Amino acid sequence: MNSELKKRNIPFSPPDMSEEEARMATEAILSGWITTGPKTKEFEKIIADYCGTDRSVCLNSATACMEMTLRVLGVGPGDEVITSAYTYTATASVTCHVGAKVVMIDTAPGSFEMDYDKLADAITEKTKVIIPVDLGGVICDYDKIYAAVESKKHLFIPNNEIQKSYGRVVVLADAAHAFGAQWKNKRCGSIADFTSFSFHAVKNLTTAEGGAITWRNHEGIDNDEIYKQFQLLSLHGQNKDALAKTKLGAWEYDIIAPNYKCNMTDIMAGIGLAQFNRYPALLERRREIIAKYNKAFGIADGSCFGEVNGQKFQALSHYTEQQSSSGHLYLLRLLDRDMEFRNDTINKMAERGIACNVHYKPLPMMTAYKNLGFDIHDYPNAYNQFVNEITLPLHTRLSDEDVDYITSNLMAIINQ
């Protein structure tokens, strides 16, 4: 195919909407319930059932889900929260929001995941939570994470009754990308102690803006009480939501604490319910696109490395015997190339109508985290992953011809 002909316009990650999403949103608008109401409660139940948990809470973002979880857990000033240096700011900024200290771990050599061998050494008496990142929809190795947590259990000093019930550092997954992913026959949402999902516009399943938190059953933890704490935190500390206040004679309410405002609306939940009905087909289409990409870059099943015409590639490995990713992002490293080449490639792809991205510029390279004392020189593996990484469009509005156009243009640019 001559890649110069019939130029296409391929956005990076547009939402995949249908008449069903429009119908469900309209239904919410015309029902009289446009804020948190019956559709939000239905969406919460569907998410919990799908993930294999007893409860879930829907909020207005994954960021709010992570922050409210830290607050439920009593994390605050004097505490430490560990996460990966290779992620988006929300994973770390929520720790700053509650006044705790961010501790970052480098990725393992040649990996997009945190270096699990360094995790145990990072745990101190001040550590209360670890936030692993299920990057691109690929679930982390939670066996290694829990092993590190257990190995330092003797250092744990609980701040409140919930922390005391765990008796160890709590694992809160940043699974913004990973709704629907599976690992060792468990679905994401029931693997970490708490799991935060994003339903932002660019995510596999979207509510325009939104997120959900799930948590596993744990001895000494009352799920109804946890759910109540999330409701109080996300709705001003008000002890009744709008739905409860509509009952006859139930106008009166109390403010338990001066809390926050980050609830999900029924309009958003309506979109989410429609998306959920389509979700199995959306996941399957993503898997098909990833297979086409892998084939184009010489990457065999079960591998993450390939080579075509002398150019070596490394892609994020989405599907293995142990796991099935949600297929959210196609991260591709142009091995033996530098940042200048990568950036030039992205510009040339844009000239041909193809929007690409980079996931991620490590947090220690960002001004906000430099100001907190982080230095990218302390995270050489994360830096090496970043310098030649290019994220190709991966969404369910791509046709097979679009995928061919993307791969043929990328190879043409590389071989110039």
Protein backbone atom coordinates (compact mmCIF):
# COMPACT_ATOMS: atom_id res chain seq x y z
CA MET A 1 0.00 0.00 0.00
CA ASN A 2 1.26 3.48 -0.83
CA SER A 3 1.01 5.21 2.54
CA GLU A 4 1.11 8.65 0.91
CA LEU A 5 -2.22 8.10 -0.88
CA LYS A 6 -5.71 8.67 0.51
CA LYS A 7 -4.64 10.49 3.63
CA ARG A 8 -6.79 9.62 6.62
CA ASN A 9 -7.66 11.52 9.77
CA ILE A 10 -7.15 9.17 12.72
CA PRO A 11 -7.68 10.69 16.20
CA PHE A 12 -5.88 9.16 19.17
CA SER A 13 -8.77 8.05 21.36
CA PRO A 14 -12.29 9.29 20.53
CA PRO A 15 -15.24 7.97 22.57
CA ASP A 16 -17.22 5.15 20.96
CA MET A 17 -20.83 6.32 21.33
CA SER A 18 -24.04 4.85 19.91
CA GLU A 19 -27.75 5.59 19.89
CA GLU A 20 -28.04 3.48 23.04
CA GLU A 21 -25.85 5.87 25.06
CA ALA A 22 -27.92 8.80 23.77
CA ARG A 23 -31.14 7.00 24.69
CA MET A 24 -30.00 6.18 28.23
CA ALA A 25 -28.73 9.71 28.88
CA THR A 26 -32.00 11.12 27.54
CA GLU A 27 -33.93 8.70 29.73
CA ALA A 28 -32.10 10.04 32.78
CA ILE A 29 -32.69 13.67 31.75
CA LEU A 30 -36.42 13.14 31.23
CA SER A 31 -36.84 11.03 34.38
CA GLY A 32 -36.33 13.98 36.71
CA TRP A 33 -33.18 12.36 38.17
CA ILE A 34 -30.17 14.00 36.58
CA THR A 35 -27.84 13.86 39.59
CA THR A 36 -27.06 10.85 41.81
CA GLY A 37 -30.11 8.60 41.76
CA PRO A 38 -31.40 5.19 40.63
CA LYS A 39 -29.17 4.84 37.55
CA THR A 40 -26.04 5.52 39.60
CA LYS A 41 -27.08 2.90 42.16
CA GLU A 42 -27.80 0.42 39.36
CA PHE A 43 -24.41 1.14 37.77
CA GLU A 44 -22.68 0.55 41.12
CA LYS A 45 -24.37 -2.83 41.48
CA ILE A 46 -23.46 -3.89 37.94
CA ILE A 47 -19.80 -2.90 38.47
CA ALA A 48 -19.60 -4.81 41.75
CA ASP A 49 -21.17 -7.92 40.22
CA TYR A 50 -18.87 -7.73 37.20
CA CYS A 51 -15.73 -7.31 39.31
CA GLY A 52 -16.73 -9.97 41.84
CA THR A 53 -17.07 -7.69 44.85
CA ASP A 54 -19.94 -7.00 47.23
CA ARG A 55 -20.01 -3.24 46.75
CA SER A 56 -18.72 -0.46 44.54
CA VAL A 57 -19.01 3.31 44.66
CA CYS A 58 -19.29 5.53 41.58
CA LEU A 59 -17.75 9.01 41.77
CA ASN A 60 -16.92 11.74 39.26
CA SER A 61 -13.35 10.55 38.52
CA ALA A 62 -10.78 7.88 39.28
CA THR A 63 -8.77 10.61 40.97
CA ALA A 64 -11.61 11.24 43.40
CA CYS A 65 -11.89 7.47 43.95
CA MET A 66 -8.23 7.20 44.94
CA GLU A 67 -8.28 10.31 47.11
CA MET A 68 -11.47 9.31 48.92
CA THR A 69 -9.99 5.84 49.51
CA LEU A 70 -6.93 7.38 51.14
CA ARG A 71 -9.25 9.43 53.32
CA VAL A 72 -11.38 6.39 54.23
CA LEU A 73 -8.14 4.67 55.24
CA GLY A 74 -7.11 7.63 57.41
CA VAL A 75 -3.97 8.49 55.43
CA GLY A 76 -2.64 11.98 56.11
CA PRO A 77 0.32 14.11 57.21
CA GLY A 78 3.26 12.06 58.46
CA ASP A 79 2.30 9.05 56.33
CA GLU A 80 3.95 7.73 53.17
CA VAL A 81 2.35 6.29 50.03
CA ILE A 82 4.44 4.34 47.50
CA THR A 83 3.80 4.36 43.76
CA SER A 84 5.57 4.01 40.42
CA ALA A 85 7.55 6.81 38.79
CA TYR A 86 6.04 5.73 35.44
CA THR A 87 2.46 6.95 35.60
CA TYR A 88 0.13 9.91 35.22
CA THR A 89 0.11 12.61 37.88
CA ALA A 90 -3.23 11.55 39.42
CA THR A 91 -1.62 8.43 40.88
CA ALA A 92 0.69 10.58 42.98
CA SER A 93 -1.21 13.86 43.34
CA VAL A 94 -3.91 12.24 45.50
CA THR A 95 -1.24 11.54 48.11
CA CYS A 96 -0.33 15.23 48.10
CA HIS A 97 -4.02 16.13 48.46
CA VAL A 98 -4.28 14.28 51.78
CA GLY A 99 -1.00 15.75 53.05
CA ALA A 100 1.05 12.54 52.92
CA LYS A 101 4.47 12.01 51.34
CA VAL A 102 4.85 10.50 47.87
CA VAL A 103 7.49 7.78 47.56
CA MET A 104 8.33 6.72 44.00
CA ILE A 105 9.91 3.51 42.78
CA ASP A 106 11.74 3.10 39.49
CA THR A 107 10.49 0.60 36.94
CA ALA A 108 12.32 -2.69 36.54
CA PRO A 109 14.89 -2.71 33.70
CA GLY A 110 13.06 -2.98 30.37
CA SER A 111 9.64 -2.91 32.07
CA PHE A 112 6.75 -0.47 32.40
CA GLU A 113 5.95 -1.85 35.88
CA MET A 114 7.54 -0.80 39.15
CA ASP A 115 10.62 -2.75 40.25
CA TYR A 116 9.10 -5.22 42.71
CA ASP A 117 12.55 -6.11 44.02
CA LYS A 118 12.86 -2.54 45.33
CA LEU A 119 9.37 -2.38 46.79
CA ALA A 120 10.04 -4.02 50.16
CA ASP A 121 13.05 -1.75 50.79
CA ALA A 122 10.85 1.32 50.23
CA ILE A 123 8.39 0.30 52.96
CA THR A 124 8.98 2.05 56.29
CA GLU A 125 7.09 2.54 59.56
CA LYS A 126 5.38 5.50 57.87
CA THR A 127 4.11 3.58 54.83
CA LYS A 128 0.35 3.17 54.82
CA VAL A 129 -0.58 2.46 51.19
CA ILE A 130 0.99 1.21 47.95
CA ILE A 131 -0.58 2.35 44.67
CA PRO A 132 0.51 0.04 41.83
CA VAL A 133 -0.41 1.09 38.27
CA ASP A 134 -2.15 -1.34 35.91
CA LEU A 135 -0.68 0.50 32.94
CA GLY A 136 -2.43 0.23 29.58
CA GLY A 137 -4.85 -2.31 31.04
CA VAL A 138 -2.14 -4.80 32.01
CA ILE A 139 -2.51 -5.98 35.60
CA CYS A 140 0.56 -5.82 37.84
CA ASP A 141 2.09 -8.83 39.61
CA TYR A 142 0.10 -8.63 42.83
CA ASP A 143 1.72 -11.79 44.19
CA LYS A 144 5.01 -9.91 44.37
CA ILE A 145 3.34 -6.79 45.73
CA TYR A 146 1.62 -8.67 48.55
CA ALA A 147 4.81 -10.60 49.27
CA ALA A 148 6.65 -7.29 49.78
CA VAL A 149 3.83 -6.02 51.98
CA GLU A 150 3.83 -9.16 54.14
CA SER A 151 7.61 -9.09 54.49
CA LYS A 152 7.39 -5.67 56.17
CA LYS A 153 4.23 -6.32 58.15
CA HIS A 154 6.15 -6.00 61.42
CA LEU A 155 6.84 -2.33 60.65
CA PHE A 156 3.20 -1.36 60.18
CA ILE A 157 1.76 1.15 62.64
CA PRO A 158 -2.02 1.67 62.13
CA ASN A 159 -3.58 5.13 62.39
CA ASN A 160 -7.21 4.06 62.69
CA GLU A 161 -9.46 1.03 63.10
CA ILE A 162 -9.59 0.24 59.37
CA GLN A 163 -5.80 0.20 59.13
CA LYS A 164 -5.73 -1.92 62.28
CA SER A 165 -8.05 -4.45 60.65
CA TYR A 166 -5.58 -4.87 57.78
CA GLY A 167 -2.54 -4.94 60.04
CA ARG A 168 -0.31 -4.19 57.07
CA VAL A 169 0.20 -1.73 54.23
CA VAL A 170 -2.97 -1.50 52.11
CA VAL A 171 -2.79 -2.06 48.34
CA LEU A 172 -4.82 0.44 46.29
CA ALA A 173 -4.68 -0.32 42.55
CA ASP A 174 -4.68 2.55 40.08
CA ALA A 175 -6.63 0.54 37.52
CA ALA A 176 -7.79 3.59 35.57
CA HIS A 177 -6.96 1.69 32.37
CA ALA A 178 -7.90 -1.83 33.42
CA PHE A 179 -11.68 -2.23 33.74
CA GLY A 180 -12.44 -5.73 32.45
CA ALA A 181 -8.89 -7.06 32.66
CA GLN A 182 -8.25 -10.46 34.26
CA TRP A 183 -5.24 -11.95 36.05
CA LYS A 184 -4.98 -15.54 37.26
CA ASN A 185 -8.71 -16.05 36.70
CA LYS A 186 -9.58 -13.01 38.84
CA ARG A 187 -11.11 -9.89 37.41
CA CYS A 188 -9.54 -6.52 38.08
CA GLY A 189 -11.44 -4.96 40.97
CA SER A 190 -11.18 -8.04 43.18
CA ILE A 191 -7.39 -8.45 43.26
CA ALA A 192 -6.05 -5.43 45.16
CA ASP A 193 -7.52 -4.43 48.53
CA PHE A 194 -9.08 -1.40 46.81
CA THR A 195 -9.26 -0.72 43.08
CA SER A 196 -9.92 2.57 41.31
CA PHE A 197 -11.31 2.67 37.75
CA SER A 198 -11.61 5.59 35.35
CA PHE A 199 -14.54 6.17 32.99
CA HIS A 200 -13.05 9.32 31.47
CA ALA A 201 -13.80 10.12 27.82
CA VAL A 202 -10.68 8.36 26.49
CA LYS A 203 -11.19 5.14 28.48
CA ASN A 204 -12.51 1.81 27.13
CA LEU A 205 -15.80 2.32 28.94
CA THR A 206 -16.73 5.95 29.38
CA THR A 207 -19.29 8.03 31.25
CA ALA A 208 -17.68 11.25 29.86
CA GLU A 209 -16.20 11.91 33.30
CA GLY A 210 -16.41 9.37 36.09
CA GLY A 211 -14.87 6.56 38.03
CA ALA A 212 -15.58 3.74 40.44
CA ILE A 213 -13.95 2.18 43.48
CA THR A 214 -14.27 -1.46 44.50
CA TRP A 215 -12.82 -3.33 47.47
CA ARG A 216 -12.35 -6.92 48.55
CA ASN A 217 -14.03 -8.44 51.57
CA HIS A 218 -11.69 -8.32 54.56
CA GLU A 219 -12.07 -9.65 58.07
CA GLY A 220 -12.98 -6.84 60.43
CA ILE A 221 -14.19 -4.58 57.62
CA ASP A 222 -17.91 -3.80 57.37
CA ASN A 223 -18.68 -3.24 53.68
CA ASP A 224 -21.82 -1.25 54.46
CA GLU A 225 -19.83 1.04 56.72
CA ILE A 226 -17.13 1.52 54.06
CA TYR A 227 -19.84 2.35 51.51
CA LYS A 228 -21.35 4.86 53.94
CA GLN A 229 -17.95 6.51 54.47
CA PHE A 230 -17.52 6.97 50.71
CA GLN A 231 -21.00 8.51 50.48
CA LEU A 232 -20.26 10.94 53.31
CA LEU A 233 -16.90 11.92 51.86
CA SER A 234 -18.24 12.46 48.34
CA LEU A 235 -21.40 14.42 49.23
CA HIS A 236 -20.40 17.18 51.67
CA GLY A 237 -20.57 14.88 54.69
CA GLN A 238 -24.37 14.87 54.33
CA ASN A 239 -25.97 11.82 55.92
CA LYS A 240 -28.73 11.55 53.29
CA ASP A 241 -28.40 11.72 49.52
CA ALA A 242 -31.03 13.44 47.36
CA LEU A 243 -32.79 10.14 46.67
CA ALA A 244 -33.23 9.41 50.38
CA LYS A 245 -34.46 12.94 51.08
CA THR A 246 -37.37 12.55 48.64
CA LYS A 247 -39.12 10.04 50.90
CA LEU A 248 -42.14 11.46 52.71
CA GLY A 249 -41.11 13.40 55.80
CA ALA A 250 -37.43 12.71 55.18
CA TRP A 251 -36.30 16.26 54.43
CA GLU A 252 -34.14 16.60 57.51
CA TYR A 253 -30.46 15.70 57.32
CA ASP A 254 -27.22 16.26 59.19
CA ILE A 255 -23.70 17.23 58.09
CA ILE A 256 -21.37 14.76 59.79
CA ALA A 257 -18.15 16.42 58.59
CA PRO A 258 -17.14 19.29 56.23
CA ASN A 259 -16.34 16.91 53.37
CA TYR A 260 -16.05 16.96 49.57
CA LYS A 261 -18.27 16.96 46.46
CA CYS A 262 -17.42 14.35 43.85
CA ASN A 263 -20.52 12.20 43.27
CA MET A 264 -21.52 10.69 39.93
CA THR A 265 -24.68 11.88 38.17
CA ASP A 266 -27.43 9.70 36.71
CA ILE A 267 -26.77 11.18 33.27
CA MET A 268 -23.20 9.85 33.49
CA ALA A 269 -24.39 6.53 34.90
CA GLY A 270 -26.91 6.19 32.07
CA ILE A 271 -24.12 6.47 29.51
CA GLY A 272 -22.12 3.95 31.54
CA LEU A 273 -24.98 1.43 31.62
CA ALA A 274 -25.27 1.59 27.84
CA GLN A 275 -21.49 1.25 27.44
CA PHE A 276 -21.47 -1.74 29.78
CA ASN A 277 -24.00 -3.59 27.61
CA ARG A 278 -21.63 -3.16 24.65
CA TYR A 279 -18.44 -3.80 26.61
CA PRO A 280 -17.67 -7.45 25.74
CA ALA A 281 -17.66 -6.58 22.03
CA LEU A 282 -15.54 -3.48 22.68
CA LEU A 283 -12.93 -5.55 24.54
CA GLU A 284 -12.84 -8.15 21.78
CA ARG A 285 -12.31 -5.49 19.11
CA ARG A 286 -9.40 -4.05 21.06
CA ARG A 287 -7.84 -7.50 21.20
CA GLU A 288 -8.17 -7.83 17.42
CA ILE A 289 -6.45 -4.48 16.86
CA ILE A 290 -3.59 -5.38 19.21
CA ALA A 291 -3.10 -8.66 17.31
CA LYS A 292 -2.85 -6.73 14.03
CA TYR A 293 -0.33 -4.32 15.52
CA ASN A 294 1.77 -7.14 16.94
CA LYS A 295 1.83 -8.93 13.60
CA ALA A 296 2.91 -5.76 11.80
CA PHE A 297 5.85 -5.32 14.19
CA GLY A 298 6.94 -8.96 14.15
CA ILE A 299 5.79 -9.65 17.69
CA ALA A 300 4.75 -13.27 18.17
CA ASP A 301 2.03 -14.43 20.58
CA GLY A 302 3.32 -14.53 24.14
CA SER A 303 6.22 -12.20 23.35
CA CYS A 304 6.68 -8.46 23.62
CA PHE A 305 9.67 -8.15 21.26
CA GLY A 306 9.74 -8.03 17.48
CA GLU A 307 11.86 -6.92 14.55
CA VAL A 308 11.00 -5.73 11.03
CA ASN A 309 13.55 -4.55 8.45
CA GLY A 310 16.22 -4.17 11.12
CA GLN A 311 14.08 -2.08 13.48
CA LYS A 312 13.58 -3.74 16.84
CA PHE A 313 10.40 -3.17 18.83
CA GLN A 314 9.12 -3.76 22.33
CA ALA A 315 5.37 -3.57 22.97
CA LEU A 316 3.39 -3.80 26.16
CA SER A 317 2.41 -7.46 26.53
CA HIS A 318 -1.38 -7.59 26.84
CA TYR A 319 -2.30 -11.27 26.65
CA THR A 320 -0.48 -14.14 28.34
CA GLU A 321 -1.38 -17.46 29.94
CA GLN A 322 -1.84 -15.64 33.26
CA GLN A 323 -3.71 -12.58 32.15
CA SER A 324 -6.01 -10.91 29.67
CA SER A 325 -5.58 -7.16 29.49
CA SER A 326 -8.35 -4.64 28.90
CA GLY A 327 -6.34 -3.58 25.84
CA HIS A 328 -6.46 0.10 26.69
CA LEU A 329 -3.17 1.39 25.25
CA TYR A 330 -0.68 0.15 22.67
CA LEU A 331 2.70 1.21 24.03
CA LEU A 332 5.51 0.62 21.53
CA ARG A 333 9.22 1.22 22.10
CA LEU A 334 11.41 1.93 19.08
CA LEU A 335 14.44 0.15 20.48
CA ASP A 336 17.89 1.67 19.91
CA ARG A 337 16.27 5.01 18.99
CA ASP A 338 16.47 8.23 20.99
CA MET A 339 13.98 10.85 22.12
CA GLU A 340 14.65 13.11 19.14
CA PHE A 341 13.85 10.29 16.71
CA ARG A 342 10.69 9.38 18.66
CA ASN A 343 9.45 12.97 18.72
CA ASP A 344 10.19 13.44 15.03
CA THR A 345 8.29 10.24 14.28
CA ILE A 346 5.23 11.50 16.18
CA ASN A 347 5.34 14.77 14.22
CA LYS A 348 5.59 12.95 10.90
CA MET A 349 2.73 10.65 11.84
CA ALA A 350 0.65 13.76 12.62
CA GLU A 351 1.45 15.16 9.18
CA ARG A 352 -0.11 12.00 7.75
CA GLY A 353 -3.23 12.44 9.83
CA ILE A 354 -2.34 10.00 12.62
CA ALA A 355 -2.48 11.23 16.22
CA CYS A 356 -0.01 9.44 18.49
CA ASN A 357 0.90 10.00 22.13
CA VAL A 358 3.49 9.12 24.79
CA HIS A 359 2.67 7.13 27.95
CA TYR A 360 4.24 8.41 30.11
CA LYS A 361 6.72 11.14 30.76
CA PRO A 362 7.94 9.93 34.17
CA LEU A 363 6.71 12.02 37.09
CA PRO A 364 10.22 13.03 38.28
CA MET A 365 10.55 14.96 34.98
CA MET A 366 7.51 17.11 35.78
CA THR A 367 7.90 20.52 37.44
CA ALA A 368 5.50 19.73 40.28
CA TYR A 369 7.49 16.68 41.33
CA LYS A 370 10.87 18.29 40.73
CA ASN A 371 9.68 20.90 43.24
CA LEU A 372 9.04 18.05 45.70
CA GLY A 373 12.67 16.97 45.34
CA PHE A 374 12.38 14.19 42.76
CA ASP A 375 15.19 13.81 40.20
CA ILE A 376 14.86 11.70 37.04
CA HIS A 377 18.48 10.60 37.43
CA ASP A 378 17.28 8.45 40.34
CA TYR A 379 14.89 6.64 37.96
CA PRO A 380 17.05 5.56 35.01
CA ASN A 381 14.88 2.60 34.00
CA ALA A 382 11.72 4.70 33.80
CA TYR A 383 13.61 7.26 31.75
CA ASN A 384 14.87 4.61 29.33
CA GLN A 385 11.31 3.32 28.82
CA PHE A 386 10.11 6.83 28.07
CA VAL A 387 12.72 8.13 25.62
CA ASN A 388 11.72 5.90 22.69
CA GLU A 389 8.09 5.06 23.57
CA ILE A 390 5.29 5.95 21.17
CA THR A 391 1.63 5.14 21.87
CA LEU A 392 -0.36 4.31 18.74
CA PRO A 393 -4.11 4.90 18.40
CA LEU A 394 -6.08 2.03 19.93
CA HIS A 395 -9.83 2.46 20.01
CA THR A 396 -12.94 0.73 18.74
CA ARG A 397 -13.69 3.24 16.01
CA LEU A 398 -10.59 2.08 14.11
CA SER A 399 -11.22 -0.03 11.03
CA ASP A 400 -8.79 -2.70 9.85
CA GLU A 401 -7.86 -0.31 7.04
CA ASP A 402 -7.08 2.38 9.61
CA VAL A 403 -4.75 0.00 11.45
CA ASP A 404 -3.00 -0.89 8.20
CA TYR A 405 -2.62 2.82 7.42
CA ILE A 406 -1.08 3.45 10.84
CA THR A 407 1.42 0.58 10.67
CA SER A 408 2.46 1.16 7.05
CA ASN A 409 3.05 4.85 7.70
CA LEU A 410 5.02 4.18 10.86
CA MET A 411 7.27 1.68 9.06
CA ALA A 412 7.72 4.10 6.15
CA ILE A 413 8.78 6.90 8.51
CA ILE A 414 11.16 4.64 10.42
CA ASN A 415 12.78 3.42 7.19
CA GLN A 416 13.24 6.87 5.61
